[in-house]
Amino acid sequence: MKRKKFTIKEWIPAERPREKMMLFGADSLSNAELLAIFIGSGTPKESAIGLAQRILDHYDGDLDRLSHTPERELCRFHGIGTAKAIILKAAFELHRRKGLPVQEDHSLFVLNGSEDCVRLFREYHGGRSDRESWFLLANSDRRFLGLVQLSNYVDTPDALDVGGLLDTIQDHCASKLVFIQKGDFQDPVPSVPDIELYEHLKSTAELLRLDLMDFLLVSATSHCSFADLDLVPNLPFR
C-alpha cells in the first residue's frame, strides 16, 4: 500500500477531512480528523491529522481532558502555536456552551465585590474538576476581561509561575486580578498555606504593579473571600 504523504492537499479528496465532511457529513470523520480541521495545518514532517492523533493519544483519547487543557500546555505540542491553541480552546468553549442560555456581554460587567466574581466564575467554569487554580482579570475600571486557568493547581508559593502570570496579564491588558482556588471543601475556611499563598501573591502583584482585588476559595455550593474577612488585611474592591 502506498504510503500517504504528509501534505493533506496531496491526498485524494475523499480522504481529506474537509472534503470528506462535505461529501459524507461530520459523522463520517474520526475525532482526529475533526480536530485536524481546527488545527488547519501540520508540520513538514507530520500532517494535521497526525498531529491531531498525537495530541489525542497524549490524553488517551479523552476529549473532556483535552478540552480543559490550558493554552500554554497545548503549545507544548510541536506544530501548535498560540493561534492554533486559541482556536482549539474557542471550539471547546462553544461546545461547552451548547444548550446554555444566551450569555450577556460580560465585558461591560463591573466587579463590585466577591459575589460578582463568584457569579462570573461559576457561569464560565461549567463544572470541571475539583482542584483548579484560576485568575479572574479586570481592567483599571474593574471591568471583567476574562478567566485564565493556571497549568497546575497552585497550593504553595513555589508552585506559582510568575513569568506565566506576567505573560497572561500582559496578553489581556489587565491591571487587576482575583485569585480563585477551586476545591471540593464543604465549608471554605482559609488554612495557614492559603494565607501564605495569599501573602506571596500580594507581594508578587505589587512587584508587577498589579492590584490583587481578592483571594477566593470556591466550592460547588459556597465560597470564602479574603476581601470579606478580618483575618487578613482587607483587599478592597476600589
C-alpha atoms as a PDB file:
ATOM      1  CA  MET A   1       0.000   0.000   0.000  1.00  0.00           C
ATOM      2  CA  LYS A   2       1.356   3.373  -0.972  1.00  0.00           C
ATOM      3  CA  ARG A   3       2.303   5.495   1.997  1.00  0.00           C
ATOM      4  CA  LYS A   4       0.362   8.740   2.316  1.00  0.00           C
ATOM      5  CA  LYS A   5       2.262  11.958   2.028  1.00  0.00           C
ATOM      6  CA  PHE A   6       2.453  14.410   4.875  1.00  0.00           C
ATOM      7  CA  THR A   7       0.592  17.134   2.994  1.00  0.00           C
ATOM      8  CA  ILE A   8      -3.151  16.527   3.197  1.00  0.00           C
ATOM      9  CA  LYS A   9      -3.666  18.527  -0.018  1.00  0.00           C
ATOM     10  CA  GLU A  10      -1.897  15.711  -1.873  1.00  0.00           C
ATOM     11  CA  TRP A  11      -4.379  13.110  -0.617  1.00  0.00           C
ATOM     12  CA  ILE A  12      -7.350  12.108  -2.743  1.00  0.00           C
ATOM     13  CA  PRO A  13     -10.360  14.373  -1.991  1.00  0.00           C
ATOM     14  CA  ALA A  14     -12.402  11.633  -0.294  1.00  0.00           C
ATOM     15  CA  GLU A  15      -9.648  11.230   2.330  1.00  0.00           C
ATOM     16  CA  ARG A  16      -9.193  14.920   3.142  1.00  0.00           C
ATOM     17  CA  PRO A  17     -11.114  15.885   6.312  1.00  0.00           C
ATOM     18  CA  ARG A  18     -12.878  18.937   4.875  1.00  0.00           C
ATOM     19  CA  GLU A  19     -13.844  17.296   1.590  1.00  0.00           C
ATOM     20  CA  LYS A  20     -14.818  14.094   3.384  1.00  0.00           C
ATOM     21  CA  MET A  21     -17.098  16.088   5.669  1.00  0.00           C
ATOM     22  CA  MET A  22     -18.735  17.804   2.683  1.00  0.00           C
ATOM     23  CA  LEU A  23     -19.238  14.501   0.873  1.00  0.00           C
ATOM     24  CA  PHE A  24     -20.313  12.237   3.721  1.00  0.00           C
ATOM     25  CA  GLY A  25     -21.165  14.506   6.665  1.00  0.00           C
ATOM     26  CA  ALA A  26     -19.463  15.233  10.004  1.00  0.00           C
ATOM     27  CA  ASP A  27     -20.425  11.809  11.386  1.00  0.00           C
ATOM     28  CA  SER A  28     -18.053  10.146   8.930  1.00  0.00           C
ATOM     29  CA  LEU A  29     -14.968  11.813  10.453  1.00  0.00           C
ATOM     30  CA  SER A  30     -12.871  10.409  13.261  1.00  0.00           C
ATOM     31  CA  ASN A  31     -12.007  12.546  16.286  1.00  0.00           C
ATOM     32  CA  ALA A  32      -8.535  13.092  14.849  1.00  0.00           C
ATOM     33  CA  GLU A  33      -9.977  14.253  11.517  1.00  0.00           C
ATOM     34  CA  LEU A  34     -12.381  16.660  13.230  1.00  0.00           C
ATOM     35  CA  LEU A  35      -9.585  18.036  15.395  1.00  0.00           C
ATOM     36  CA  ALA A  36      -7.371  18.394  12.317  1.00  0.00           C
ATOM     37  CA  ILE A  37      -9.920  20.726  10.702  1.00  0.00           C
ATOM     38  CA  PHE A  38      -9.448  23.173  13.582  1.00  0.00           C
ATOM     39  CA  ILE A  39      -5.670  22.718  13.617  1.00  0.00           C
ATOM     40  CA  GLY A  40      -5.573  23.552   9.909  1.00  0.00           C
ATOM     41  CA  SER A  41      -2.033  22.514   9.044  1.00  0.00           C
ATOM     42  CA  GLY A  42       0.637  20.228  10.370  1.00  0.00           C
ATOM     43  CA  THR A  43       4.414  20.399  10.177  1.00  0.00           C
ATOM     44  CA  PRO A  44       6.859  19.484   7.377  1.00  0.00           C
ATOM     45  CA  LYS A  45       7.117  16.001   8.911  1.00  0.00           C
ATOM     46  CA  GLU A  46       3.567  15.478  10.140  1.00  0.00           C
ATOM     47  CA  SER A  47       0.106  16.078   8.708  1.00  0.00           C
ATOM     48  CA  ALA A  48      -2.584  17.908  10.626  1.00  0.00           C
ATOM     49  CA  ILE A  49      -4.288  14.549  11.199  1.00  0.00           C
ATOM     50  CA  GLY A  50      -1.061  13.035  12.505  1.00  0.00           C
ATOM     51  CA  LEU A  51      -0.626  15.990  14.849  1.00  0.00           C
ATOM     52  CA  ALA A  52      -4.243  15.722  15.988  1.00  0.00           C
ATOM     53  CA  GLN A  53      -3.867  11.996  16.647  1.00  0.00           C
ATOM     54  CA  ARG A  54      -0.666  12.597  18.635  1.00  0.00           C
ATOM     55  CA  ILE A  55      -2.481  15.118  20.834  1.00  0.00           C
ATOM     56  CA  LEU A  56      -5.417  12.754  21.333  1.00  0.00           C
ATOM     57  CA  ASP A  57      -3.072   9.876  22.211  1.00  0.00           C
ATOM     58  CA  HIS A  58      -1.402  12.050  24.845  1.00  0.00           C
ATOM     59  CA  TYR A  59      -4.779  12.388  26.598  1.00  0.00           C
ATOM     60  CA  ASP A  60      -5.761   8.747  25.963  1.00  0.00           C
ATOM     61  CA  GLY A  61      -8.457   9.926  23.570  1.00  0.00           C
ATOM     62  CA  ASP A  62     -10.280  11.718  26.396  1.00  0.00           C
ATOM     63  CA  LEU A  63     -11.848  14.786  24.783  1.00  0.00           C
ATOM     64  CA  ASP A  64     -13.029  16.110  28.145  1.00  0.00           C
ATOM     65  CA  ARG A  65      -9.443  16.197  29.462  1.00  0.00           C
ATOM     66  CA  LEU A  66      -8.261  17.810  26.251  1.00  0.00           C
ATOM     67  CA  SER A  67     -10.979  20.471  26.378  1.00  0.00           C
ATOM     68  CA  HIS A  68      -9.821  21.548  29.857  1.00  0.00           C
ATOM     69  CA  THR A  69      -6.157  21.800  28.875  1.00  0.00           C
ATOM     70  CA  PRO A  70      -4.766  25.368  29.199  1.00  0.00           C
ATOM     71  CA  GLU A  71      -3.468  27.099  26.070  1.00  0.00           C
ATOM     72  CA  ARG A  72       0.111  27.038  27.314  1.00  0.00           C
ATOM     73  CA  GLU A  73       0.065  23.257  27.656  1.00  0.00           C
ATOM     74  CA  LEU A  74      -1.343  22.839  24.146  1.00  0.00           C
ATOM     75  CA  CYS A  75       1.518  24.964  22.818  1.00  0.00           C
ATOM     76  CA  ARG A  76       3.974  22.349  24.079  1.00  0.00           C
ATOM     77  CA  PHE A  77       2.987  20.107  21.170  1.00  0.00           C
ATOM     78  CA  HIS A  78       5.253  20.714  18.198  1.00  0.00           C
ATOM     79  CA  GLY A  79       3.082  22.255  15.499  1.00  0.00           C
ATOM     80  CA  ILE A  80       0.676  24.019  17.881  1.00  0.00           C
ATOM     81  CA  GLY A  81       1.311  27.723  18.386  1.00  0.00           C
ATOM     82  CA  THR A  82      -0.659  30.302  20.297  1.00  0.00           C
ATOM     83  CA  ALA A  83      -3.103  30.968  17.433  1.00  0.00           C
ATOM     84  CA  LYS A  84      -3.965  27.285  16.972  1.00  0.00           C
ATOM     85  CA  ALA A  85      -4.242  26.725  20.717  1.00  0.00           C
ATOM     86  CA  ILE A  86      -6.726  29.600  20.973  1.00  0.00           C
ATOM     87  CA  ILE A  87      -8.764  28.204  18.061  1.00  0.00           C
ATOM     88  CA  LEU A  88      -8.975  24.825  19.805  1.00  0.00           C
ATOM     89  CA  LYS A  89      -9.952  26.392  23.127  1.00  0.00           C
ATOM     90  CA  ALA A  90     -12.607  28.501  21.383  1.00  0.00           C
ATOM     91  CA  ALA A  91     -14.070  25.385  19.727  1.00  0.00           C
ATOM     92  CA  PHE A  92     -14.235  23.529  23.041  1.00  0.00           C
ATOM     93  CA  GLU A  93     -15.777  26.557  24.755  1.00  0.00           C
ATOM     94  CA  LEU A  94     -18.508  26.803  22.124  1.00  0.00           C
ATOM     95  CA  HIS A  95     -19.325  23.133  22.675  1.00  0.00           C
ATOM     96  CA  ARG A  96     -19.438  23.687  26.447  1.00  0.00           C
ATOM     97  CA  ARG A  97     -21.973  26.476  25.982  1.00  0.00           C
ATOM     98  CA  LYS A  98     -24.256  24.310  23.841  1.00  0.00           C
ATOM     99  CA  GLY A  99     -27.719  24.307  25.356  1.00  0.00           C
ATOM    100  CA  LEU A 100     -26.935  27.159  27.753  1.00  0.00           C
ATOM    101  CA  PRO A 101     -28.960  30.377  27.710  1.00  0.00           C
ATOM    102  CA  VAL A 102     -27.580  33.197  25.568  1.00  0.00           C
ATOM    103  CA  GLN A 103     -24.913  34.869  27.658  1.00  0.00           C
ATOM    104  CA  GLU A 104     -24.886  38.536  28.480  1.00  0.00           C
ATOM    105  CA  ASP A 105     -21.965  40.739  27.449  1.00  0.00           C
ATOM    106  CA  HIS A 106     -19.698  40.335  30.465  1.00  0.00           C
ATOM    107  CA  SER A 107     -17.187  42.804  29.018  1.00  0.00           C
ATOM    108  CA  LEU A 108     -19.477  45.523  30.419  1.00  0.00           C
ATOM    109  CA  PHE A 109     -19.669  43.861  33.829  1.00  0.00           C
ATOM    110  CA  VAL A 110     -18.080  45.837  36.680  1.00  0.00           C
ATOM    111  CA  LEU A 111     -16.747  43.792  39.615  1.00  0.00           C
ATOM    112  CA  ASN A 112     -18.003  45.392  42.816  1.00  0.00           C
ATOM    113  CA  GLY A 113     -17.348  42.560  45.246  1.00  0.00           C
ATOM    114  CA  SER A 114     -16.715  38.884  45.824  1.00  0.00           C
ATOM    115  CA  GLU A 115     -20.267  37.881  44.877  1.00  0.00           C
ATOM    116  CA  ASP A 116     -19.745  39.285  41.382  1.00  0.00           C
ATOM    117  CA  CYS A 117     -16.512  37.325  40.978  1.00  0.00           C
ATOM    118  CA  VAL A 118     -18.039  34.061  42.200  1.00  0.00           C
ATOM    119  CA  ARG A 119     -21.062  34.501  39.935  1.00  0.00           C
ATOM    120  CA  LEU A 120     -18.903  35.001  36.857  1.00  0.00           C
ATOM    121  CA  PHE A 121     -16.604  32.146  37.791  1.00  0.00           C
ATOM    122  CA  ARG A 122     -19.477  29.692  38.172  1.00  0.00           C
ATOM    123  CA  GLU A 123     -21.068  30.787  34.896  1.00  0.00           C
ATOM    124  CA  TYR A 124     -17.843  30.263  32.994  1.00  0.00           C
ATOM    125  CA  HIS A 125     -16.497  27.303  34.930  1.00  0.00           C
ATOM    126  CA  GLY A 126     -19.189  24.856  33.897  1.00  0.00           C
ATOM    127  CA  GLY A 127     -18.496  22.080  36.441  1.00  0.00           C
ATOM    128  CA  ARG A 128     -14.971  20.969  35.761  1.00  0.00           C
ATOM    129  CA  SER A 129     -12.605  19.176  38.156  1.00  0.00           C
ATOM    130  CA  ASP A 130     -12.464  19.825  41.903  1.00  0.00           C
ATOM    131  CA  ARG A 131      -8.853  21.068  42.202  1.00  0.00           C
ATOM    132  CA  GLU A 132      -8.062  24.012  39.956  1.00  0.00           C
ATOM    133  CA  SER A 133      -6.480  27.450  40.249  1.00  0.00           C
ATOM    134  CA  TRP A 134      -7.644  30.437  38.222  1.00  0.00           C
ATOM    135  CA  PHE A 135      -7.106  34.156  37.770  1.00  0.00           C
ATOM    136  CA  LEU A 136     -10.048  36.429  37.078  1.00  0.00           C
ATOM    137  CA  LEU A 137      -8.790  39.504  35.207  1.00  0.00           C
ATOM    138  CA  ALA A 138     -10.149  43.050  35.099  1.00  0.00           C
ATOM    139  CA  ASN A 139      -9.063  46.431  33.784  1.00  0.00           C
ATOM    140  CA  SER A 140      -8.445  49.592  35.790  1.00  0.00           C
ATOM    141  CA  ASP A 141     -12.201  50.268  35.903  1.00  0.00           C
ATOM    142  CA  ARG A 142     -12.822  46.775  37.354  1.00  0.00           C
ATOM    143  CA  ARG A 143     -14.494  45.673  34.123  1.00  0.00           C
ATOM    144  CA  PHE A 144     -14.296  41.917  33.608  1.00  0.00           C
ATOM    145  CA  LEU A 145     -11.747  40.807  30.981  1.00  0.00           C
ATOM    146  CA  GLY A 146     -11.729  37.045  31.342  1.00  0.00           C
ATOM    147  CA  LEU A 147     -10.805  33.953  33.329  1.00  0.00           C
ATOM    148  CA  VAL A 148      -7.495  32.164  32.924  1.00  0.00           C
ATOM    149  CA  GLN A 149      -6.829  28.700  34.293  1.00  0.00           C
ATOM    150  CA  LEU A 150      -3.331  28.015  35.601  1.00  0.00           C
ATOM    151  CA  SER A 151      -1.494  24.985  34.219  1.00  0.00           C
ATOM    152  CA  ASN A 152      -1.266  23.342  37.636  1.00  0.00           C
ATOM    153  CA  TYR A 153      -3.149  23.534  40.909  1.00  0.00           C
ATOM    154  CA  VAL A 154      -1.344  26.150  43.000  1.00  0.00           C
ATOM    155  CA  ASP A 155      -1.288  25.417  46.738  1.00  0.00           C
ATOM    156  CA  THR A 156       2.163  26.732  47.692  1.00  0.00           C
ATOM    157  CA  PRO A 157       4.106  29.878  46.730  1.00  0.00           C
ATOM    158  CA  ASP A 158       6.700  27.731  44.924  1.00  0.00           C
ATOM    159  CA  ALA A 159       4.002  26.376  42.593  1.00  0.00           C
ATOM    160  CA  LEU A 160       3.206  29.816  41.171  1.00  0.00           C
ATOM    161  CA  ASP A 161       4.693  30.534  37.731  1.00  0.00           C
ATOM    162  CA  VAL A 162       5.390  34.256  37.984  1.00  0.00           C
ATOM    163  CA  GLY A 163       6.625  34.502  34.389  1.00  0.00           C
ATOM    164  CA  GLY A 164       3.497  32.813  33.087  1.00  0.00           C
ATOM    165  CA  LEU A 165       1.361  35.099  35.216  1.00  0.00           C
ATOM    166  CA  LEU A 166       3.022  38.194  33.822  1.00  0.00           C
ATOM    167  CA  ASP A 167       2.584  36.975  30.225  1.00  0.00           C
ATOM    168  CA  THR A 168      -1.091  36.258  30.842  1.00  0.00           C
ATOM    169  CA  ILE A 169      -1.720  39.672  32.397  1.00  0.00           C
ATOM    170  CA  GLN A 170       0.029  41.442  29.539  1.00  0.00           C
ATOM    171  CA  ASP A 171      -1.878  39.432  26.910  1.00  0.00           C
ATOM    172  CA  HIS A 172      -5.193  40.553  28.414  1.00  0.00           C
ATOM    173  CA  CYS A 173      -4.069  44.140  29.169  1.00  0.00           C
ATOM    174  CA  ALA A 174      -5.289  43.626  32.735  1.00  0.00           C
ATOM    175  CA  SER A 175      -4.340  45.715  35.747  1.00  0.00           C
ATOM    176  CA  LYS A 176      -6.445  43.995  38.420  1.00  0.00           C
ATOM    177  CA  LEU A 177      -6.819  40.331  39.277  1.00  0.00           C
ATOM    178  CA  VAL A 178      -8.597  37.944  41.605  1.00  0.00           C
ATOM    179  CA  PHE A 179      -7.053  34.591  42.535  1.00  0.00           C
ATOM    180  CA  ILE A 180      -9.573  31.736  42.669  1.00  0.00           C
ATOM    181  CA  GLN A 181      -8.883  28.400  44.328  1.00  0.00           C
ATOM    182  CA  LYS A 182     -11.490  25.818  43.244  1.00  0.00           C
ATOM    183  CA  GLY A 183     -11.844  22.946  45.727  1.00  0.00           C
ATOM    184  CA  ASP A 184     -14.266  20.308  46.955  1.00  0.00           C
ATOM    185  CA  PHE A 185     -14.440  21.672  50.506  1.00  0.00           C
ATOM    186  CA  GLN A 186     -17.828  21.817  52.216  1.00  0.00           C
ATOM    187  CA  ASP A 187     -17.176  24.973  54.242  1.00  0.00           C
ATOM    188  CA  PRO A 188     -14.283  27.005  52.785  1.00  0.00           C
ATOM    189  CA  VAL A 189     -12.054  28.231  55.620  1.00  0.00           C
ATOM    190  CA  PRO A 190      -8.577  29.687  54.969  1.00  0.00           C
ATOM    191  CA  SER A 191      -5.726  27.454  56.087  1.00  0.00           C
ATOM    192  CA  VAL A 192      -2.203  28.547  57.003  1.00  0.00           C
ATOM    193  CA  PRO A 193      -0.945  27.543  53.497  1.00  0.00           C
ATOM    194  CA  ASP A 194      -3.783  29.585  51.963  1.00  0.00           C
ATOM    195  CA  ILE A 195      -2.718  32.677  53.902  1.00  0.00           C
ATOM    196  CA  GLU A 196       0.949  32.116  52.985  1.00  0.00           C
ATOM    197  CA  LEU A 197      -0.017  31.815  49.336  1.00  0.00           C
ATOM    198  CA  TYR A 198      -2.130  34.958  49.587  1.00  0.00           C
ATOM    199  CA  GLU A 199       0.796  36.908  51.068  1.00  0.00           C
ATOM    200  CA  HIS A 200       3.075  35.688  48.281  1.00  0.00           C
ATOM    201  CA  LEU A 201       0.512  36.609  45.615  1.00  0.00           C
ATOM    202  CA  LYS A 202       0.013  40.029  47.170  1.00  0.00           C
ATOM    203  CA  SER A 203       3.748  40.811  47.145  1.00  0.00           C
ATOM    204  CA  THR A 204       4.130  39.393  43.612  1.00  0.00           C
ATOM    205  CA  ALA A 205       1.238  41.514  42.344  1.00  0.00           C
ATOM    206  CA  GLU A 206       2.770  44.629  43.882  1.00  0.00           C
ATOM    207  CA  LEU A 207       6.109  43.912  42.177  1.00  0.00           C
ATOM    208  CA  LEU A 208       4.280  43.579  38.862  1.00  0.00           C
ATOM    209  CA  ARG A 209       2.296  46.766  39.605  1.00  0.00           C
ATOM    210  CA  LEU A 210      -0.966  44.852  39.658  1.00  0.00           C
ATOM    211  CA  ASP A 211      -3.883  45.178  42.036  1.00  0.00           C
ATOM    212  CA  LEU A 212      -4.855  41.898  43.730  1.00  0.00           C
ATOM    213  CA  MET A 213      -8.521  42.576  44.462  1.00  0.00           C
ATOM    214  CA  ASP A 214      -9.384  39.284  46.184  1.00  0.00           C
ATOM    215  CA  PHE A 215      -8.327  35.733  47.043  1.00  0.00           C
ATOM    216  CA  LEU A 216     -11.292  33.357  46.745  1.00  0.00           C
ATOM    217  CA  LEU A 217     -11.847  29.795  47.919  1.00  0.00           C
ATOM    218  CA  VAL A 218     -14.749  28.435  45.864  1.00  0.00           C
ATOM    219  CA  SER A 219     -16.602  25.132  46.038  1.00  0.00           C
ATOM    220  CA  ALA A 220     -19.721  23.975  44.225  1.00  0.00           C
ATOM    221  CA  THR A 221     -22.040  25.441  46.851  1.00  0.00           C
ATOM    222  CA  SER A 222     -20.104  28.001  48.900  1.00  0.00           C
ATOM    223  CA  HIS A 223     -17.145  30.361  48.865  1.00  0.00           C
ATOM    224  CA  CYS A 224     -14.801  32.320  51.111  1.00  0.00           C
ATOM    225  CA  SER A 225     -13.456  35.757  50.220  1.00  0.00           C
ATOM    226  CA  PHE A 226     -10.292  37.143  51.797  1.00  0.00           C
ATOM    227  CA  ALA A 227     -11.570  40.624  50.940  1.00  0.00           C
ATOM    228  CA  ASP A 228     -14.619  40.000  53.124  1.00  0.00           C
ATOM    229  CA  LEU A 229     -12.607  38.674  56.100  1.00  0.00           C
ATOM    230  CA  ASP A 230     -10.992  40.425  59.050  1.00  0.00           C
ATOM    231  CA  LEU A 231      -8.398  37.628  59.418  1.00  0.00           C
ATOM    232  CA  VAL A 232      -6.029  39.272  56.943  1.00  0.00           C
ATOM    233  CA  PRO A 233      -5.606  42.861  55.744  1.00  0.00           C
ATOM    234  CA  ASN A 234      -8.610  43.756  53.604  1.00  0.00           C
ATOM    235  CA  LEU A 235      -8.426  43.561  49.840  1.00  0.00           C
ATOM    236  CA  PRO A 236     -10.926  46.306  48.965  1.00  0.00           C
ATOM    237  CA  PHE A 237     -12.662  46.487  45.596  1.00  0.00           C
ATOM    238  CA  ARG A 238     -11.691  50.016  44.640  1.00  0.00           C
END
